[in-house]
Amino acid sequence: MGIIAWIVLGLVAGLIAEKLTGERLGWIVAGVSGIVGALLGGWLAKTLFNVDSLDTFFSASTWITAIVGTVILQLVLRAVTGRTGRGSRARRRMASRR
C-alpha cells in the first residue's frame, strides 16, 4: 500500500476505534493512532497467526486488523495514562454543576 492509503486507513481505523473505545482524540491523533494501530495489528497477526493481513487496501482482513490493532493501542494508552477520554470528563463537570 502507498503512503496515502496508509493515512486513509489509519484515519478511518482511528475514528472507528475512537467510537468503539469511547475515546475522543481528534482527527490528527486518531489518524496517527490508527496508523500505529494498523502496524501493531499487522505485526500481531503475523506473529500470532502467521498471516499477512495488510496486503491490499480493499481487503476486509486489512481493515479488521487495523481496527483491532488501533482499539488495542487506544486501550493500552488509556490504561497507561489513566484517563477515560475527554467526553466523560466534560460530563462529570456538568454533573457537578447541578
N, C-alpha and C. Protein backbone atom coordinates (compact mmCIF):
# COMPACT_ATOMS: atom_id res chain seq x y z
N MET A 1 0.85 -1.18 0.00
CA MET A 1 0.00 0.00 0.00
C MET A 1 0.89 1.24 0.00
N GLY A 2 0.40 2.29 -0.61
CA GLY A 2 1.12 3.55 -0.66
C GLY A 2 0.89 4.37 0.60
N ILE A 3 1.60 5.47 0.70
CA ILE A 3 1.52 6.31 1.89
C ILE A 3 0.13 6.92 2.06
N ILE A 4 -0.51 7.30 0.96
CA ILE A 4 -1.87 7.87 1.04
C ILE A 4 -2.84 6.83 1.56
N ALA A 5 -2.71 5.60 1.11
CA ALA A 5 -3.58 4.52 1.57
C ALA A 5 -3.38 4.27 3.07
N TRP A 6 -2.13 4.31 3.55
CA TRP A 6 -1.87 4.14 4.99
C TRP A 6 -2.50 5.27 5.79
N ILE A 7 -2.43 6.50 5.29
CA ILE A 7 -3.03 7.63 6.01
C ILE A 7 -4.54 7.50 6.07
N VAL A 8 -5.17 7.15 4.95
CA VAL A 8 -6.62 6.98 4.91
C VAL A 8 -7.04 5.81 5.81
N LEU A 9 -6.34 4.70 5.70
CA LEU A 9 -6.63 3.54 6.53
C LEU A 9 -6.48 3.89 8.01
N GLY A 10 -5.41 4.59 8.36
CA GLY A 10 -5.18 4.97 9.74
C GLY A 10 -6.23 5.91 10.26
N LEU A 11 -6.63 6.89 9.46
CA LEU A 11 -7.64 7.84 9.90
C LEU A 11 -8.98 7.16 10.13
N VAL A 12 -9.39 6.35 9.19
CA VAL A 12 -10.68 5.67 9.33
C VAL A 12 -10.64 4.66 10.49
N ALA A 13 -9.57 3.89 10.58
CA ALA A 13 -9.45 2.92 11.68
C ALA A 13 -9.39 3.64 13.02
N GLY A 14 -8.69 4.77 13.07
CA GLY A 14 -8.62 5.54 14.31
C GLY A 14 -9.97 6.09 14.72
N LEU A 15 -10.74 6.59 13.77
CA LEU A 15 -12.07 7.12 14.09
C LEU A 15 -13.03 6.02 14.52
N ILE A 16 -12.96 4.87 13.87
CA ILE A 16 -13.82 3.75 14.27
C ILE A 16 -13.42 3.26 15.66
N ALA A 17 -12.13 3.12 15.91
CA ALA A 17 -11.66 2.68 17.23
C ALA A 17 -12.01 3.70 18.30
N GLU A 18 -11.99 4.98 17.94
CA GLU A 18 -12.38 6.05 18.87
C GLU A 18 -13.82 5.85 19.31
N LYS A 19 -14.69 5.50 18.38
CA LYS A 19 -16.10 5.26 18.71
C LYS A 19 -16.27 3.99 19.54
N LEU A 20 -15.50 2.95 19.23
CA LEU A 20 -15.63 1.68 19.95
C LEU A 20 -15.11 1.78 21.38
N THR A 21 -14.07 2.57 21.61
CA THR A 21 -13.47 2.67 22.94
C THR A 21 -14.04 3.82 23.77
N GLY A 22 -14.74 4.73 23.12
CA GLY A 22 -15.28 5.87 23.83
C GLY A 22 -14.29 7.01 24.02
N GLU A 23 -13.14 6.90 23.42
CA GLU A 23 -12.13 7.96 23.49
C GLU A 23 -12.51 9.09 22.55
N ARG A 24 -12.07 10.30 22.87
CA ARG A 24 -12.25 11.45 21.98
C ARG A 24 -10.87 12.02 21.75
N LEU A 25 -10.27 11.66 20.63
CA LEU A 25 -8.88 12.00 20.37
C LEU A 25 -8.71 13.15 19.40
N GLY A 26 -9.62 13.35 18.49
CA GLY A 26 -9.45 14.33 17.43
C GLY A 26 -8.93 13.66 16.17
N TRP A 27 -9.01 14.39 15.06
CA TRP A 27 -8.66 13.82 13.76
C TRP A 27 -7.21 13.41 13.65
N ILE A 28 -6.31 14.28 14.05
CA ILE A 28 -4.89 14.01 13.85
C ILE A 28 -4.42 12.87 14.75
N VAL A 29 -4.76 12.94 16.02
CA VAL A 29 -4.34 11.88 16.95
C VAL A 29 -5.00 10.56 16.59
N ALA A 30 -6.27 10.59 16.17
CA ALA A 30 -6.94 9.37 15.74
C ALA A 30 -6.27 8.78 14.51
N GLY A 31 -5.86 9.63 13.59
CA GLY A 31 -5.16 9.15 12.39
C GLY A 31 -3.82 8.53 12.72
N VAL A 32 -3.05 9.20 13.58
CA VAL A 32 -1.74 8.67 13.97
C VAL A 32 -1.91 7.37 14.75
N SER A 33 -2.87 7.35 15.69
CA SER A 33 -3.09 6.10 16.44
C SER A 33 -3.60 5.00 15.52
N GLY A 34 -4.35 5.36 14.48
CA GLY A 34 -4.82 4.37 13.51
C GLY A 34 -3.69 3.78 12.70
N ILE A 35 -2.74 4.63 12.28
CA ILE A 35 -1.60 4.13 11.52
C ILE A 35 -0.74 3.22 12.39
N VAL A 36 -0.44 3.68 13.60
CA VAL A 36 0.36 2.87 14.52
C VAL A 36 -0.40 1.60 14.90
N GLY A 37 -1.71 1.73 15.12
CA GLY A 37 -2.53 0.57 15.46
C GLY A 37 -2.61 -0.44 14.32
N ALA A 38 -2.64 0.05 13.07
CA ALA A 38 -2.64 -0.86 11.92
C ALA A 38 -1.33 -1.63 11.86
N LEU A 39 -0.24 -0.93 12.10
CA LEU A 39 1.06 -1.62 12.12
C LEU A 39 1.12 -2.62 13.26
N LEU A 40 0.62 -2.24 14.43
CA LEU A 40 0.58 -3.15 15.58
C LEU A 40 -0.30 -4.36 15.28
N GLY A 41 -1.47 -4.13 14.71
CA GLY A 41 -2.35 -5.24 14.35
C GLY A 41 -1.74 -6.16 13.31
N GLY A 42 -1.06 -5.58 12.32
CA GLY A 42 -0.39 -6.39 11.31
C GLY A 42 0.73 -7.22 11.91
N TRP A 43 1.48 -6.62 12.82
CA TRP A 43 2.57 -7.35 13.49
C TRP A 43 2.01 -8.47 14.36
N LEU A 44 0.93 -8.19 15.10
CA LEU A 44 0.32 -9.24 15.93
C LEU A 44 -0.24 -10.37 15.08
N ALA A 45 -0.90 -10.04 13.97
CA ALA A 45 -1.44 -11.08 13.09
C ALA A 45 -0.32 -11.94 12.51
N LYS A 46 0.78 -11.31 12.14
CA LYS A 46 1.92 -12.05 11.59
C LYS A 46 2.57 -12.91 12.66
N THR A 47 2.74 -12.36 13.85
CA THR A 47 3.40 -13.08 14.93
C THR A 47 2.56 -14.22 15.49
N LEU A 48 1.29 -13.94 15.75
CA LEU A 48 0.43 -14.94 16.39
C LEU A 48 -0.14 -15.97 15.42
N PHE A 49 -0.54 -15.52 14.24
CA PHE A 49 -1.25 -16.40 13.31
C PHE A 49 -0.49 -16.67 12.01
N ASN A 50 0.68 -16.07 11.85
CA ASN A 50 1.49 -16.23 10.65
C ASN A 50 0.70 -15.86 9.39
N VAL A 51 -0.01 -14.72 9.47
CA VAL A 51 -0.86 -14.25 8.38
C VAL A 51 -0.42 -12.85 7.97
N ASP A 52 -0.25 -12.63 6.67
CA ASP A 52 -0.01 -11.28 6.17
C ASP A 52 -1.35 -10.64 5.90
N SER A 53 -1.81 -9.80 6.82
CA SER A 53 -3.16 -9.27 6.68
C SER A 53 -3.20 -7.85 6.16
N LEU A 54 -2.06 -7.19 5.98
CA LEU A 54 -2.05 -5.81 5.50
C LEU A 54 -1.54 -5.74 4.06
N ASP A 55 -2.10 -6.60 3.22
CA ASP A 55 -1.64 -6.67 1.84
C ASP A 55 -2.28 -5.60 0.94
N THR A 56 -3.59 -5.57 0.91
CA THR A 56 -4.28 -4.66 -0.01
C THR A 56 -5.23 -3.75 0.76
N PHE A 57 -5.52 -2.61 0.17
CA PHE A 57 -6.36 -1.61 0.82
C PHE A 57 -7.81 -2.05 0.93
N PHE A 58 -8.32 -2.74 -0.05
CA PHE A 58 -9.74 -3.10 -0.08
C PHE A 58 -10.02 -4.48 0.48
N SER A 59 -9.10 -5.05 1.20
CA SER A 59 -9.29 -6.36 1.81
C SER A 59 -9.93 -6.20 3.20
N ALA A 60 -10.92 -7.04 3.49
CA ALA A 60 -11.57 -6.97 4.80
C ALA A 60 -10.59 -7.28 5.93
N SER A 61 -9.66 -8.19 5.70
CA SER A 61 -8.69 -8.52 6.74
C SER A 61 -7.79 -7.34 7.06
N THR A 62 -7.49 -6.50 6.09
CA THR A 62 -6.69 -5.30 6.33
C THR A 62 -7.43 -4.35 7.27
N TRP A 63 -8.70 -4.13 7.01
CA TRP A 63 -9.48 -3.20 7.82
C TRP A 63 -9.72 -3.75 9.22
N ILE A 64 -10.04 -5.03 9.32
CA ILE A 64 -10.27 -5.64 10.65
C ILE A 64 -8.99 -5.61 11.47
N THR A 65 -7.88 -5.95 10.85
CA THR A 65 -6.60 -5.92 11.55
C THR A 65 -6.26 -4.52 12.02
N ALA A 66 -6.48 -3.53 11.16
CA ALA A 66 -6.17 -2.14 11.52
C ALA A 66 -7.05 -1.66 12.66
N ILE A 67 -8.33 -1.98 12.62
CA ILE A 67 -9.25 -1.54 13.67
C ILE A 67 -8.95 -2.23 14.99
N VAL A 68 -8.74 -3.54 14.95
CA VAL A 68 -8.41 -4.27 16.18
C VAL A 68 -7.10 -3.77 16.78
N GLY A 69 -6.10 -3.56 15.95
CA GLY A 69 -4.82 -3.05 16.44
C GLY A 69 -4.96 -1.67 17.05
N THR A 70 -5.79 -0.83 16.46
CA THR A 70 -5.99 0.52 16.98
C THR A 70 -6.77 0.50 18.28
N VAL A 71 -7.77 -0.37 18.38
CA VAL A 71 -8.52 -0.50 19.64
C VAL A 71 -7.58 -0.96 20.75
N ILE A 72 -6.74 -1.94 20.47
CA ILE A 72 -5.77 -2.42 21.47
C ILE A 72 -4.85 -1.28 21.88
N LEU A 73 -4.34 -0.54 20.91
CA LEU A 73 -3.44 0.57 21.21
C LEU A 73 -4.12 1.63 22.07
N GLN A 74 -5.36 2.00 21.73
CA GLN A 74 -6.06 3.01 22.49
C GLN A 74 -6.38 2.54 23.91
N LEU A 75 -6.72 1.26 24.07
CA LEU A 75 -6.99 0.74 25.41
C LEU A 75 -5.72 0.68 26.25
N VAL A 76 -4.60 0.33 25.64
CA VAL A 76 -3.32 0.32 26.36
C VAL A 76 -2.94 1.75 26.76
N LEU A 77 -3.10 2.68 25.85
CA LEU A 77 -2.79 4.08 26.18
C LEU A 77 -3.69 4.60 27.29
N ARG A 78 -4.95 4.22 27.27
CA ARG A 78 -5.87 4.62 28.34
C ARG A 78 -5.44 4.04 29.68
N ALA A 79 -5.01 2.78 29.68
CA ALA A 79 -4.57 2.14 30.92
C ALA A 79 -3.29 2.77 31.44
N VAL A 80 -2.39 3.13 30.54
CA VAL A 80 -1.11 3.73 30.95
C VAL A 80 -1.30 5.15 31.46
N THR A 81 -2.10 5.94 30.74
CA THR A 81 -2.28 7.34 31.14
C THR A 81 -3.34 7.50 32.22
N GLY A 82 -4.23 6.53 32.36
CA GLY A 82 -5.26 6.59 33.40
C GLY A 82 -6.39 7.54 33.09
N ARG A 83 -6.52 7.98 31.85
CA ARG A 83 -7.62 8.88 31.53
C ARG A 83 -8.72 8.10 30.82
N THR A 84 -9.92 8.64 30.90
CA THR A 84 -11.06 7.94 30.32
C THR A 84 -11.64 8.65 29.11
N GLY A 85 -10.98 9.64 28.61
CA GLY A 85 -11.48 10.36 27.44
C GLY A 85 -12.03 11.72 27.82
N ARG A 86 -12.03 12.63 26.89
CA ARG A 86 -12.49 13.99 27.15
C ARG A 86 -13.97 14.06 27.38
N GLY A 87 -14.72 13.22 26.70
CA GLY A 87 -16.17 13.29 26.81
C GLY A 87 -16.67 12.99 28.20
N SER A 88 -16.12 12.00 28.87
CA SER A 88 -16.59 11.65 30.20
C SER A 88 -16.19 12.71 31.22
N ARG A 89 -15.04 13.35 31.03
CA ARG A 89 -14.60 14.41 31.93
C ARG A 89 -15.56 15.59 31.83
N ALA A 90 -15.99 15.92 30.65
CA ALA A 90 -16.93 17.02 30.46
C ALA A 90 -18.27 16.68 31.09
N ARG A 91 -18.71 15.44 30.98
CA ARG A 91 -19.97 15.03 31.61
C ARG A 91 -19.89 15.11 33.12
N ARG A 92 -18.73 14.76 33.70
CA ARG A 92 -18.58 14.86 35.16
C ARG A 92 -18.64 16.31 35.61
N ARG A 93 -18.03 17.23 34.85
CA ARG A 93 -18.08 18.64 35.21
C ARG A 93 -19.51 19.15 35.16
N MET A 94 -20.25 18.74 34.14
CA MET A 94 -21.64 19.19 34.02
C MET A 94 -22.47 18.63 35.16
N ALA A 95 -22.23 17.39 35.54
CA ALA A 95 -22.99 16.78 36.63
C ALA A 95 -22.67 17.45 37.97
N SER A 96 -21.43 17.88 38.16
CA SER A 96 -21.05 18.51 39.43
C SER A 96 -21.61 19.91 39.56
N ARG A 97 -21.96 20.55 38.45
CA ARG A 97 -22.54 21.89 38.48
C ARG A 97 -24.00 21.88 38.85
N ARG A 98 -24.65 20.75 38.74
CA ARG A 98 -26.11 20.67 39.01
C ARG A 98 -26.40 20.70 40.46
